[in-house]
């Protein structure tokens, strides 16, 4: 989202005005200076221009676009001031679509997560039952010390509890998706990552 500028220069009746990017509508004509990023998806009005699209595509070489060609939001204008026509609605540009994909992939559950949830629904109550039995049975029926067996029962509960396993899987997947996105790789969901 840092690739999208907050303001743009709009041209109406030959007058240039700086406006918020959120007010841009399809059909508006905007101007971008060299080194400026595109605030939204645009169609080139000028005869031609070069753009650095590496933030979106990973392509390190500038790409030349001719009049009438579409260029995605977040691209960097390289060589000169250019005029462009806005073609995307607010919240519908390339960067916004990528953000929606990232949010959707984080919401979808991976097969391993579903398995661990089912596993923990059976395993956790079982471990709790065993820990309670260890705490109660030996002191009651074999005249053992309560202090020692309470301590051992709690130790069993602590060691046997699958909390780390249940928490670590979604955390690892979310962390991996975020790290891949920061490096320019878009992975469509945890299942593809797995």
N, C-alpha and C. Protein backbone atom coordinates (compact mmCIF):
# COMPACT_ATOMS: atom_id res chain seq x y z
N UNK A 1 0.82 -1.20 0.00
CA UNK A 1 0.00 0.00 0.00
C UNK A 1 0.86 1.26 0.00
N UNK A 2 2.11 1.14 0.41
CA UNK A 2 3.01 2.30 0.40
C UNK A 2 3.33 2.74 -1.02
N UNK A 3 3.04 1.90 -2.01
CA UNK A 3 3.31 2.25 -3.40
C UNK A 3 2.31 3.26 -3.95
N UNK A 4 1.18 3.42 -3.30
CA UNK A 4 0.13 4.31 -3.80
C UNK A 4 0.30 5.69 -3.16
N UNK A 5 0.47 6.73 -4.01
CA UNK A 5 0.55 8.09 -3.44
C UNK A 5 -0.82 8.52 -2.91
N UNK A 6 -0.83 9.49 -2.02
CA UNK A 6 -2.08 9.95 -1.43
C UNK A 6 -2.72 11.07 -2.23
N UNK A 7 -1.92 11.74 -3.07
CA UNK A 7 -2.44 12.85 -3.86
C UNK A 7 -2.08 12.67 -5.32
N UNK A 8 -2.88 13.31 -6.19
CA UNK A 8 -2.64 13.26 -7.63
C UNK A 8 -2.95 14.63 -8.22
N UNK A 9 -2.34 14.91 -9.36
CA UNK A 9 -2.59 16.16 -10.07
C UNK A 9 -3.61 15.86 -11.17
N UNK A 10 -4.80 16.44 -11.03
CA UNK A 10 -5.87 16.22 -11.99
C UNK A 10 -5.94 17.43 -12.93
N UNK A 11 -6.24 17.18 -14.20
CA UNK A 11 -6.33 18.24 -15.19
C UNK A 11 -7.79 18.35 -15.63
N UNK A 12 -8.40 19.53 -15.37
CA UNK A 12 -9.77 19.80 -15.81
C UNK A 12 -9.79 21.15 -16.51
N UNK A 13 -10.22 21.16 -17.75
CA UNK A 13 -10.29 22.38 -18.56
C UNK A 13 -8.94 23.08 -18.62
N UNK A 14 -7.86 22.31 -18.70
CA UNK A 14 -6.51 22.86 -18.81
C UNK A 14 -5.92 23.34 -17.50
N UNK A 15 -6.65 23.22 -16.39
CA UNK A 15 -6.19 23.66 -15.07
C UNK A 15 -5.76 22.45 -14.26
N UNK A 16 -4.54 22.54 -13.72
CA UNK A 16 -4.01 21.45 -12.90
C UNK A 16 -4.32 21.72 -11.43
N UNK A 17 -4.88 20.70 -10.77
CA UNK A 17 -5.24 20.81 -9.37
C UNK A 17 -4.78 19.56 -8.63
N UNK A 18 -4.22 19.74 -7.45
CA UNK A 18 -3.83 18.59 -6.62
C UNK A 18 -5.03 18.17 -5.79
N UNK A 19 -5.39 16.89 -5.93
CA UNK A 19 -6.54 16.35 -5.21
C UNK A 19 -6.15 15.06 -4.50
N UNK A 20 -7.00 14.63 -3.60
CA UNK A 20 -6.80 13.34 -2.93
C UNK A 20 -7.07 12.22 -3.93
N UNK A 21 -6.30 11.17 -3.86
CA UNK A 21 -6.47 10.02 -4.76
C UNK A 21 -7.85 9.40 -4.59
N UNK A 22 -8.41 9.48 -3.40
CA UNK A 22 -9.72 8.88 -3.15
C UNK A 22 -10.84 9.56 -3.94
N UNK A 23 -10.60 10.77 -4.46
CA UNK A 23 -11.64 11.47 -5.22
C UNK A 23 -11.57 11.18 -6.72
N UNK A 24 -10.55 10.46 -7.17
CA UNK A 24 -10.41 10.18 -8.60
C UNK A 24 -11.52 9.26 -9.09
N UNK A 25 -12.03 9.56 -10.27
CA UNK A 25 -13.09 8.77 -10.90
C UNK A 25 -12.64 8.32 -12.28
N UNK A 26 -13.16 7.19 -12.77
CA UNK A 26 -12.83 6.77 -14.14
C UNK A 26 -13.15 7.89 -15.13
N UNK A 27 -12.21 8.12 -16.04
CA UNK A 27 -12.37 9.18 -17.02
C UNK A 27 -11.60 10.44 -16.69
N UNK A 28 -11.22 10.63 -15.42
CA UNK A 28 -10.42 11.79 -15.04
C UNK A 28 -9.05 11.73 -15.71
N UNK A 29 -8.52 12.89 -16.09
CA UNK A 29 -7.19 12.97 -16.67
C UNK A 29 -6.24 13.46 -15.58
N UNK A 30 -5.17 12.69 -15.33
CA UNK A 30 -4.19 13.07 -14.32
C UNK A 30 -2.82 13.20 -14.96
N UNK A 31 -1.92 13.90 -14.26
CA UNK A 31 -0.55 14.06 -14.74
C UNK A 31 0.40 13.51 -13.69
N UNK A 32 1.38 12.76 -14.15
CA UNK A 32 2.40 12.20 -13.27
C UNK A 32 3.76 12.71 -13.75
N UNK A 33 4.56 13.21 -12.83
CA UNK A 33 5.90 13.70 -13.16
C UNK A 33 6.89 12.54 -13.15
N UNK A 34 8.06 12.71 -13.75
CA UNK A 34 9.07 11.64 -13.71
C UNK A 34 9.41 11.28 -12.26
N UNK A 35 9.46 9.99 -11.99
CA UNK A 35 9.75 9.53 -10.63
C UNK A 35 8.51 9.39 -9.77
N UNK A 36 7.33 9.73 -10.33
CA UNK A 36 6.08 9.61 -9.58
C UNK A 36 5.44 8.24 -9.77
N UNK A 37 4.74 7.81 -8.77
CA UNK A 37 4.03 6.52 -8.84
C UNK A 37 2.58 6.76 -9.26
N UNK A 38 2.04 5.77 -9.97
CA UNK A 38 0.66 5.87 -10.42
C UNK A 38 -0.28 5.60 -9.24
N UNK A 39 -1.25 6.49 -9.00
CA UNK A 39 -2.15 6.32 -7.86
C UNK A 39 -3.28 5.33 -8.12
N UNK A 40 -3.51 4.97 -9.38
CA UNK A 40 -4.60 4.08 -9.74
C UNK A 40 -4.29 3.46 -11.11
N UNK A 41 -5.09 2.51 -11.54
CA UNK A 41 -4.89 1.95 -12.88
C UNK A 41 -5.26 3.02 -13.90
N UNK A 42 -4.42 3.14 -14.92
CA UNK A 42 -4.63 4.23 -15.89
C UNK A 42 -4.50 3.72 -17.32
N UNK A 43 -4.93 4.57 -18.24
CA UNK A 43 -4.72 4.35 -19.67
C UNK A 43 -3.90 5.54 -20.15
N UNK A 44 -2.83 5.27 -20.85
CA UNK A 44 -1.90 6.32 -21.27
C UNK A 44 -2.53 7.20 -22.34
N UNK A 45 -2.46 8.53 -22.13
CA UNK A 45 -2.98 9.50 -23.10
C UNK A 45 -1.85 9.96 -24.02
N UNK A 46 -0.65 10.13 -23.45
CA UNK A 46 0.52 10.54 -24.26
C UNK A 46 0.83 9.48 -25.31
N UNK A 47 1.70 9.85 -26.26
CA UNK A 47 2.06 8.94 -27.35
C UNK A 47 2.75 7.67 -26.82
N UNK A 48 3.70 7.86 -25.90
CA UNK A 48 4.37 6.71 -25.27
C UNK A 48 5.02 7.18 -23.98
N UNK A 49 5.36 6.23 -23.13
CA UNK A 49 6.06 6.51 -21.87
C UNK A 49 6.66 5.23 -21.34
N UNK A 50 7.67 5.37 -20.50
CA UNK A 50 8.32 4.20 -19.87
C UNK A 50 7.94 4.13 -18.40
N UNK A 51 7.75 2.90 -17.94
CA UNK A 51 7.35 2.68 -16.55
C UNK A 51 8.19 1.59 -15.93
N UNK A 52 8.50 1.77 -14.65
CA UNK A 52 9.15 0.73 -13.86
C UNK A 52 8.03 0.01 -13.11
N UNK A 53 7.72 -1.23 -13.53
CA UNK A 53 6.65 -2.01 -12.91
C UNK A 53 7.19 -3.09 -11.99
N UNK A 54 8.45 -2.95 -11.59
CA UNK A 54 9.11 -4.00 -10.80
C UNK A 54 8.41 -4.27 -9.47
N UNK A 55 7.79 -3.27 -8.88
CA UNK A 55 7.10 -3.48 -7.60
C UNK A 55 5.94 -4.45 -7.74
N UNK A 56 5.34 -4.51 -8.92
CA UNK A 56 4.19 -5.39 -9.15
C UNK A 56 4.57 -6.67 -9.86
N UNK A 57 5.46 -6.58 -10.84
CA UNK A 57 5.75 -7.73 -11.69
C UNK A 57 7.09 -8.38 -11.39
N UNK A 58 8.00 -7.65 -10.74
CA UNK A 58 9.33 -8.17 -10.49
C UNK A 58 10.28 -7.93 -11.66
N UNK A 59 9.77 -7.44 -12.76
CA UNK A 59 10.60 -7.16 -13.95
C UNK A 59 11.46 -5.93 -13.67
N UNK A 60 12.78 -6.10 -13.73
CA UNK A 60 13.69 -5.01 -13.36
C UNK A 60 13.86 -3.98 -14.46
N UNK A 61 13.59 -4.32 -15.70
CA UNK A 61 13.76 -3.39 -16.81
C UNK A 61 12.50 -2.55 -17.00
N UNK A 62 12.66 -1.24 -17.28
CA UNK A 62 11.48 -0.40 -17.56
C UNK A 62 10.73 -0.91 -18.79
N UNK A 63 9.42 -0.73 -18.76
CA UNK A 63 8.56 -1.20 -19.84
C UNK A 63 7.99 0.03 -20.54
N UNK A 64 8.06 0.02 -21.88
CA UNK A 64 7.50 1.14 -22.64
C UNK A 64 6.06 0.83 -23.01
N UNK A 65 5.18 1.79 -22.77
CA UNK A 65 3.77 1.65 -23.11
C UNK A 65 3.40 2.73 -24.11
N UNK A 66 2.54 2.36 -25.05
CA UNK A 66 2.06 3.30 -26.07
C UNK A 66 0.70 3.84 -25.68
N UNK A 67 0.27 4.88 -26.37
CA UNK A 67 -1.01 5.52 -26.11
C UNK A 67 -2.14 4.50 -26.12
N UNK A 68 -3.03 4.61 -25.14
CA UNK A 68 -4.17 3.71 -25.05
C UNK A 68 -3.91 2.44 -24.27
N UNK A 69 -2.66 2.18 -23.88
CA UNK A 69 -2.33 0.96 -23.12
C UNK A 69 -2.59 1.18 -21.63
N UNK A 70 -2.98 0.11 -20.96
CA UNK A 70 -3.26 0.15 -19.53
C UNK A 70 -1.95 -0.02 -18.74
N UNK A 71 -1.83 0.72 -17.65
CA UNK A 71 -0.71 0.59 -16.73
C UNK A 71 -1.29 0.49 -15.33
N UNK A 72 -0.76 -0.43 -14.53
CA UNK A 72 -1.32 -0.70 -13.20
C UNK A 72 -0.85 0.31 -12.16
N UNK A 73 -1.66 0.48 -11.15
CA UNK A 73 -1.33 1.34 -10.01
C UNK A 73 -0.03 0.87 -9.38
N UNK A 74 0.75 1.81 -8.86
CA UNK A 74 2.01 1.48 -8.20
C UNK A 74 3.21 1.50 -9.11
N UNK A 75 2.98 1.54 -10.46
CA UNK A 75 4.10 1.63 -11.39
C UNK A 75 4.75 3.01 -11.27
N UNK A 76 6.02 3.10 -11.60
CA UNK A 76 6.80 4.33 -11.47
C UNK A 76 7.03 4.92 -12.85
N UNK A 77 6.68 6.20 -13.02
CA UNK A 77 6.93 6.89 -14.29
C UNK A 77 8.43 7.16 -14.39
N UNK A 78 9.04 6.85 -15.55
CA UNK A 78 10.49 6.93 -15.67
C UNK A 78 10.99 8.22 -16.31
N UNK A 79 10.52 8.51 -17.51
CA UNK A 79 11.26 9.47 -18.32
C UNK A 79 10.73 10.89 -18.41
N UNK A 80 9.43 11.11 -18.29
CA UNK A 80 8.92 12.47 -18.48
C UNK A 80 7.55 12.61 -17.85
N UNK A 81 7.07 13.85 -17.80
CA UNK A 81 5.72 14.09 -17.30
C UNK A 81 4.73 13.52 -18.32
N UNK A 82 3.74 12.81 -17.82
CA UNK A 82 2.78 12.16 -18.72
C UNK A 82 1.36 12.40 -18.24
N UNK A 83 0.46 12.37 -19.21
CA UNK A 83 -0.96 12.50 -18.89
C UNK A 83 -1.63 11.15 -19.11
N UNK A 84 -2.54 10.83 -18.19
CA UNK A 84 -3.20 9.53 -18.23
C UNK A 84 -4.66 9.67 -17.86
N UNK A 85 -5.46 8.72 -18.34
CA UNK A 85 -6.88 8.68 -18.01
C UNK A 85 -7.10 7.59 -16.97
N UNK A 86 -7.78 7.94 -15.90
CA UNK A 86 -8.10 6.99 -14.83
C UNK A 86 -9.10 5.98 -15.38
N UNK A 87 -8.84 4.68 -15.14
CA UNK A 87 -9.77 3.65 -15.64
C UNK A 87 -10.32 2.76 -14.54
N UNK A 88 -9.84 2.90 -13.30
CA UNK A 88 -10.35 2.02 -12.24
C UNK A 88 -11.11 2.82 -11.19
N UNK A 89 -12.15 2.18 -10.66
CA UNK A 89 -12.92 2.77 -9.57
C UNK A 89 -12.05 2.78 -8.31
N UNK A 90 -12.44 3.61 -7.35
CA UNK A 90 -11.74 3.66 -6.07
C UNK A 90 -11.81 2.29 -5.40
N UNK A 91 -10.66 1.75 -4.98
CA UNK A 91 -10.61 0.44 -4.32
C UNK A 91 -10.59 -0.73 -5.28
N UNK A 92 -10.48 -0.48 -6.59
CA UNK A 92 -10.50 -1.56 -7.57
C UNK A 92 -9.23 -1.62 -8.40
N UNK A 93 -8.17 -0.91 -7.99
CA UNK A 93 -6.93 -0.95 -8.79
C UNK A 93 -6.12 -2.21 -8.48
N UNK A 94 -5.02 -2.38 -9.18
CA UNK A 94 -4.22 -3.60 -9.07
C UNK A 94 -3.73 -3.85 -7.65
N UNK A 95 -3.28 -2.81 -6.97
CA UNK A 95 -2.78 -2.96 -5.59
C UNK A 95 -3.91 -3.40 -4.66
N UNK A 96 -5.09 -2.79 -4.83
CA UNK A 96 -6.24 -3.17 -4.00
C UNK A 96 -6.62 -4.62 -4.22
N UNK A 97 -6.58 -5.07 -5.47
CA UNK A 97 -6.92 -6.47 -5.77
C UNK A 97 -5.91 -7.42 -5.13
N UNK A 98 -4.64 -7.04 -5.14
CA UNK A 98 -3.61 -7.86 -4.50
C UNK A 98 -3.87 -7.94 -2.99
N UNK A 99 -4.22 -6.80 -2.37
CA UNK A 99 -4.51 -6.78 -0.93
C UNK A 99 -5.69 -7.68 -0.59
N UNK A 100 -6.73 -7.67 -1.44
CA UNK A 100 -7.90 -8.53 -1.21
C UNK A 100 -7.49 -9.99 -1.28
N UNK A 101 -6.65 -10.34 -2.27
CA UNK A 101 -6.18 -11.72 -2.40
C UNK A 101 -5.40 -12.15 -1.15
N UNK A 102 -4.55 -11.26 -0.65
CA UNK A 102 -3.76 -11.59 0.55
C UNK A 102 -4.68 -11.82 1.74
N UNK A 103 -5.68 -10.96 1.91
CA UNK A 103 -6.62 -11.11 3.03
C UNK A 103 -7.41 -12.41 2.91
N UNK A 104 -7.83 -12.75 1.68
CA UNK A 104 -8.60 -13.99 1.48
C UNK A 104 -7.75 -15.22 1.78
N UNK A 105 -6.48 -15.20 1.37
CA UNK A 105 -5.62 -16.35 1.62
C UNK A 105 -5.37 -16.54 3.11
N UNK A 106 -5.31 -15.44 3.85
CA UNK A 106 -5.10 -15.56 5.29
C UNK A 106 -6.34 -16.12 5.98
N UNK A 107 -7.53 -15.91 5.39
CA UNK A 107 -8.76 -16.41 6.00
C UNK A 107 -8.99 -17.89 5.71
N UNK A 108 -8.52 -18.35 4.55
CA UNK A 108 -8.74 -19.75 4.20
C UNK A 108 -7.88 -20.65 5.07
N UNK A 109 -8.41 -21.77 5.42
CA UNK A 109 -7.67 -22.68 6.30
C UNK A 109 -6.99 -23.76 5.50
N UNK A 110 -5.79 -24.08 5.91
CA UNK A 110 -4.97 -25.09 5.27
C UNK A 110 -5.38 -26.47 5.78
N UNK A 111 -5.23 -27.52 4.98
CA UNK A 111 -5.57 -28.87 5.45
C UNK A 111 -4.90 -29.24 6.77
N UNK A 112 -3.66 -28.86 6.96
CA UNK A 112 -2.96 -29.21 8.20
C UNK A 112 -3.61 -28.52 9.40
N UNK A 113 -4.11 -27.28 9.19
CA UNK A 113 -4.80 -26.59 10.28
C UNK A 113 -6.09 -27.32 10.66
N UNK A 114 -6.84 -27.75 9.65
CA UNK A 114 -8.09 -28.48 9.93
C UNK A 114 -7.78 -29.78 10.67
N UNK A 115 -6.72 -30.48 10.26
CA UNK A 115 -6.34 -31.72 10.93
C UNK A 115 -5.96 -31.46 12.38
N UNK A 116 -5.17 -30.42 12.62
CA UNK A 116 -4.72 -30.13 13.98
C UNK A 116 -5.90 -29.74 14.86
N UNK A 117 -6.87 -29.01 14.30
CA UNK A 117 -8.07 -28.67 15.08
C UNK A 117 -8.84 -29.93 15.48
N UNK A 118 -9.03 -30.84 14.53
CA UNK A 118 -9.73 -32.10 14.85
C UNK A 118 -8.93 -32.91 15.87
N UNK A 119 -7.63 -32.98 15.67
CA UNK A 119 -6.74 -33.72 16.56
C UNK A 119 -6.81 -33.16 17.98
N UNK A 120 -6.76 -31.83 18.10
CA UNK A 120 -6.74 -31.23 19.44
C UNK A 120 -8.08 -31.36 20.15
N UNK A 121 -9.18 -31.49 19.40
CA UNK A 121 -10.49 -31.67 20.03
C UNK A 121 -10.58 -33.00 20.76
N UNK A 122 -9.84 -33.99 20.31
CA UNK A 122 -9.83 -35.30 20.97
C UNK A 122 -8.66 -35.40 21.96
N UNK A 123 -7.50 -34.94 21.52
CA UNK A 123 -6.27 -35.11 22.30
C UNK A 123 -6.27 -34.28 23.58
N UNK A 124 -6.72 -33.03 23.52
CA UNK A 124 -6.68 -32.16 24.69
C UNK A 124 -7.53 -32.69 25.84
N UNK A 125 -8.79 -33.06 25.62
CA UNK A 125 -9.57 -33.63 26.74
C UNK A 125 -8.95 -34.93 27.28
N UNK A 126 -8.37 -35.73 26.38
CA UNK A 126 -7.73 -36.97 26.81
C UNK A 126 -6.57 -36.68 27.76
N UNK A 127 -5.71 -35.73 27.41
CA UNK A 127 -4.56 -35.38 28.26
C UNK A 127 -5.05 -34.80 29.59
N UNK A 128 -6.09 -34.00 29.54
CA UNK A 128 -6.62 -33.44 30.79
C UNK A 128 -7.15 -34.56 31.70
N UNK A 129 -7.83 -35.53 31.13
CA UNK A 129 -8.36 -36.65 31.91
C UNK A 129 -7.22 -37.46 32.52
N UNK A 130 -6.20 -37.75 31.74
CA UNK A 130 -5.04 -38.52 32.25
C UNK A 130 -4.36 -37.75 33.38
N UNK A 131 -4.19 -36.42 33.22
CA UNK A 131 -3.54 -35.62 34.27
C UNK A 131 -4.37 -35.63 35.56
N UNK A 132 -5.68 -35.54 35.43
CA UNK A 132 -6.55 -35.59 36.62
C UNK A 132 -6.46 -36.95 37.30
N UNK A 133 -6.43 -38.01 36.49
CA UNK A 133 -6.31 -39.36 37.06
C UNK A 133 -4.97 -39.53 37.78
N UNK A 134 -3.89 -39.01 37.22
CA UNK A 134 -2.58 -39.10 37.87
C UNK A 134 -2.61 -38.35 39.20
N UNK A 135 -3.24 -37.18 39.21
CA UNK A 135 -3.30 -36.38 40.44
C UNK A 135 -4.14 -37.07 41.52
N UNK A 136 -5.22 -37.73 41.16
CA UNK A 136 -6.18 -38.28 42.14
C UNK A 136 -5.89 -39.73 42.52
N UNK A 137 -5.67 -40.62 41.54
CA UNK A 137 -5.62 -42.06 41.81
C UNK A 137 -4.46 -42.46 42.73
N UNK A 138 -3.27 -42.04 42.42
CA UNK A 138 -2.12 -42.50 43.23
C UNK A 138 -2.18 -42.02 44.68
N UNK A 139 -2.50 -40.76 44.96
CA UNK A 139 -2.59 -40.37 46.38
C UNK A 139 -3.76 -41.04 47.12
N UNK A 140 -4.88 -41.23 46.42
CA UNK A 140 -6.04 -41.82 47.10
C UNK A 140 -5.89 -43.32 47.35
N UNK A 141 -5.48 -44.06 46.32
CA UNK A 141 -5.47 -45.52 46.43
C UNK A 141 -4.14 -46.12 46.88
N UNK A 142 -3.07 -45.36 46.74
CA UNK A 142 -1.77 -45.93 47.12
C UNK A 142 -1.07 -45.11 48.20
N UNK A 143 -1.79 -44.24 48.85
CA UNK A 143 -1.28 -43.43 49.97
C UNK A 143 0.00 -42.69 49.62
N UNK A 144 0.04 -42.16 48.43
CA UNK A 144 1.19 -41.36 48.01
C UNK A 144 0.99 -39.90 48.43
N UNK A 145 2.06 -39.13 48.40
CA UNK A 145 2.00 -37.71 48.79
C UNK A 145 1.24 -36.89 47.74
N UNK A 146 0.29 -36.08 48.18
CA UNK A 146 -0.49 -35.24 47.27
C UNK A 146 0.40 -34.23 46.55
N UNK A 147 1.35 -33.65 47.28
CA UNK A 147 2.22 -32.62 46.68
C UNK A 147 2.97 -33.14 45.46
N UNK A 148 3.54 -34.31 45.59
CA UNK A 148 4.34 -34.89 44.49
C UNK A 148 3.45 -35.18 43.29
N UNK A 149 2.26 -35.77 43.50
CA UNK A 149 1.41 -36.18 42.38
C UNK A 149 0.64 -35.03 41.75
N UNK A 150 0.36 -33.99 42.52
CA UNK A 150 -0.21 -32.77 41.92
C UNK A 150 0.82 -32.15 40.98
N UNK A 151 2.05 -32.08 41.49
CA UNK A 151 3.14 -31.54 40.66
C UNK A 151 3.33 -32.37 39.39
N UNK A 152 3.33 -33.70 39.52
CA UNK A 152 3.53 -34.57 38.36
C UNK A 152 2.34 -34.50 37.40
N UNK A 153 1.12 -34.39 37.93
CA UNK A 153 -0.06 -34.27 37.08
C UNK A 153 -0.05 -32.97 36.28
N UNK A 154 0.35 -31.87 36.93
CA UNK A 154 0.45 -30.59 36.23
C UNK A 154 1.58 -30.62 35.20
N UNK A 155 2.65 -31.29 35.53
CA UNK A 155 3.75 -31.43 34.57
C UNK A 155 3.29 -32.21 33.35
N UNK A 156 2.56 -33.29 33.57
CA UNK A 156 2.01 -34.07 32.46
C UNK A 156 1.08 -33.22 31.60
N UNK A 157 0.24 -32.43 32.26
CA UNK A 157 -0.69 -31.55 31.54
C UNK A 157 0.07 -30.52 30.71
N UNK A 158 1.10 -29.95 31.29
CA UNK A 158 1.90 -28.94 30.58
C UNK A 158 2.63 -29.55 29.38
N UNK A 159 3.23 -30.69 29.56
CA UNK A 159 3.99 -31.33 28.48
C UNK A 159 3.07 -31.87 27.40
N UNK A 160 1.93 -32.44 27.82
CA UNK A 160 1.03 -33.08 26.86
C UNK A 160 0.10 -32.13 26.12
N UNK A 161 -0.02 -30.89 26.58
CA UNK A 161 -0.96 -29.95 25.97
C UNK A 161 -0.51 -29.56 24.57
N UNK A 162 -1.42 -29.60 23.59
CA UNK A 162 -1.04 -29.30 22.21
C UNK A 162 -1.13 -27.81 21.85
N UNK A 163 -1.15 -26.93 22.84
CA UNK A 163 -1.33 -25.50 22.56
C UNK A 163 -0.28 -24.98 21.57
N UNK A 164 0.96 -25.32 21.79
CA UNK A 164 2.02 -24.82 20.90
C UNK A 164 1.79 -25.30 19.47
N UNK A 165 1.37 -26.53 19.33
CA UNK A 165 1.10 -27.08 17.99
C UNK A 165 -0.08 -26.37 17.34
N UNK A 166 -1.15 -26.16 18.10
CA UNK A 166 -2.36 -25.53 17.57
C UNK A 166 -2.09 -24.07 17.19
N UNK A 167 -1.33 -23.36 17.98
CA UNK A 167 -1.05 -21.95 17.72
C UNK A 167 0.02 -21.78 16.65
N UNK A 168 1.00 -22.65 16.62
CA UNK A 168 2.13 -22.46 15.72
C UNK A 168 1.79 -22.63 14.25
N UNK A 169 0.85 -23.49 13.91
CA UNK A 169 0.54 -23.73 12.50
C UNK A 169 -0.02 -22.50 11.81
N UNK A 170 -1.11 -21.88 12.29
CA UNK A 170 -1.59 -20.68 11.61
C UNK A 170 -0.59 -19.52 11.67
N UNK A 171 0.14 -19.43 12.78
CA UNK A 171 1.14 -18.36 12.89
C UNK A 171 2.25 -18.53 11.85
N UNK A 172 2.70 -19.76 11.66
CA UNK A 172 3.75 -20.02 10.67
C UNK A 172 3.27 -19.74 9.26
N UNK A 173 2.03 -20.12 8.96
CA UNK A 173 1.48 -19.89 7.62
C UNK A 173 1.31 -18.40 7.35
N UNK A 174 0.74 -17.67 8.30
CA UNK A 174 0.56 -16.23 8.13
C UNK A 174 1.90 -15.53 7.99
N UNK A 175 2.86 -15.93 8.79
CA UNK A 175 4.19 -15.34 8.73
C UNK A 175 4.85 -15.61 7.38
N UNK A 176 4.72 -16.83 6.88
CA UNK A 176 5.31 -17.18 5.58
C UNK A 176 4.65 -16.42 4.44
N UNK A 177 3.32 -16.27 4.48
CA UNK A 177 2.62 -15.51 3.43
C UNK A 177 3.05 -14.04 3.46
N UNK A 178 3.17 -13.47 4.65
CA UNK A 178 3.59 -12.07 4.77
C UNK A 178 5.03 -11.88 4.29
N UNK A 179 5.92 -12.80 4.67
CA UNK A 179 7.31 -12.70 4.24
C UNK A 179 7.43 -12.83 2.73
N UNK A 180 6.69 -13.74 2.14
CA UNK A 180 6.71 -13.91 0.68
C UNK A 180 6.18 -12.67 -0.02
N UNK A 181 5.13 -12.08 0.53
CA UNK A 181 4.55 -10.88 -0.07
C UNK A 181 5.53 -9.72 -0.02
N UNK A 182 6.23 -9.56 1.11
CA UNK A 182 7.24 -8.49 1.22
C UNK A 182 8.34 -8.65 0.19
N UNK A 183 8.63 -9.89 -0.18
CA UNK A 183 9.69 -10.14 -1.16
C UNK A 183 9.16 -10.19 -2.59
N UNK A 184 7.87 -9.90 -2.76
CA UNK A 184 7.31 -9.81 -4.12
C UNK A 184 6.69 -11.09 -4.64
N UNK A 185 6.60 -12.14 -3.83
CA UNK A 185 5.98 -13.38 -4.27
C UNK A 185 4.58 -13.46 -3.68
N UNK A 186 3.60 -13.62 -4.54
CA UNK A 186 2.22 -13.72 -4.08
C UNK A 186 1.80 -15.17 -4.13
N UNK A 187 1.58 -15.78 -2.97
CA UNK A 187 1.20 -17.18 -2.86
C UNK A 187 -0.29 -17.24 -2.59
N UNK A 188 -1.01 -17.99 -3.41
CA UNK A 188 -2.46 -18.02 -3.29
C UNK A 188 -2.88 -19.03 -2.22
N UNK A 189 -2.76 -18.62 -0.98
CA UNK A 189 -3.28 -19.41 0.13
C UNK A 189 -2.26 -20.32 0.78
N UNK A 190 -2.64 -20.73 1.99
CA UNK A 190 -1.79 -21.60 2.77
C UNK A 190 -1.66 -22.99 2.16
N UNK A 191 -2.71 -23.44 1.45
CA UNK A 191 -2.66 -24.76 0.83
C UNK A 191 -1.57 -24.81 -0.23
N UNK A 192 -1.45 -23.75 -1.02
CA UNK A 192 -0.39 -23.69 -2.03
C UNK A 192 0.97 -23.60 -1.35
N UNK A 193 1.04 -22.89 -0.26
CA UNK A 193 2.30 -22.78 0.49
C UNK A 193 2.68 -24.13 1.08
N UNK A 194 1.68 -24.84 1.60
CA UNK A 194 1.95 -26.17 2.21
C UNK A 194 2.46 -27.12 1.15
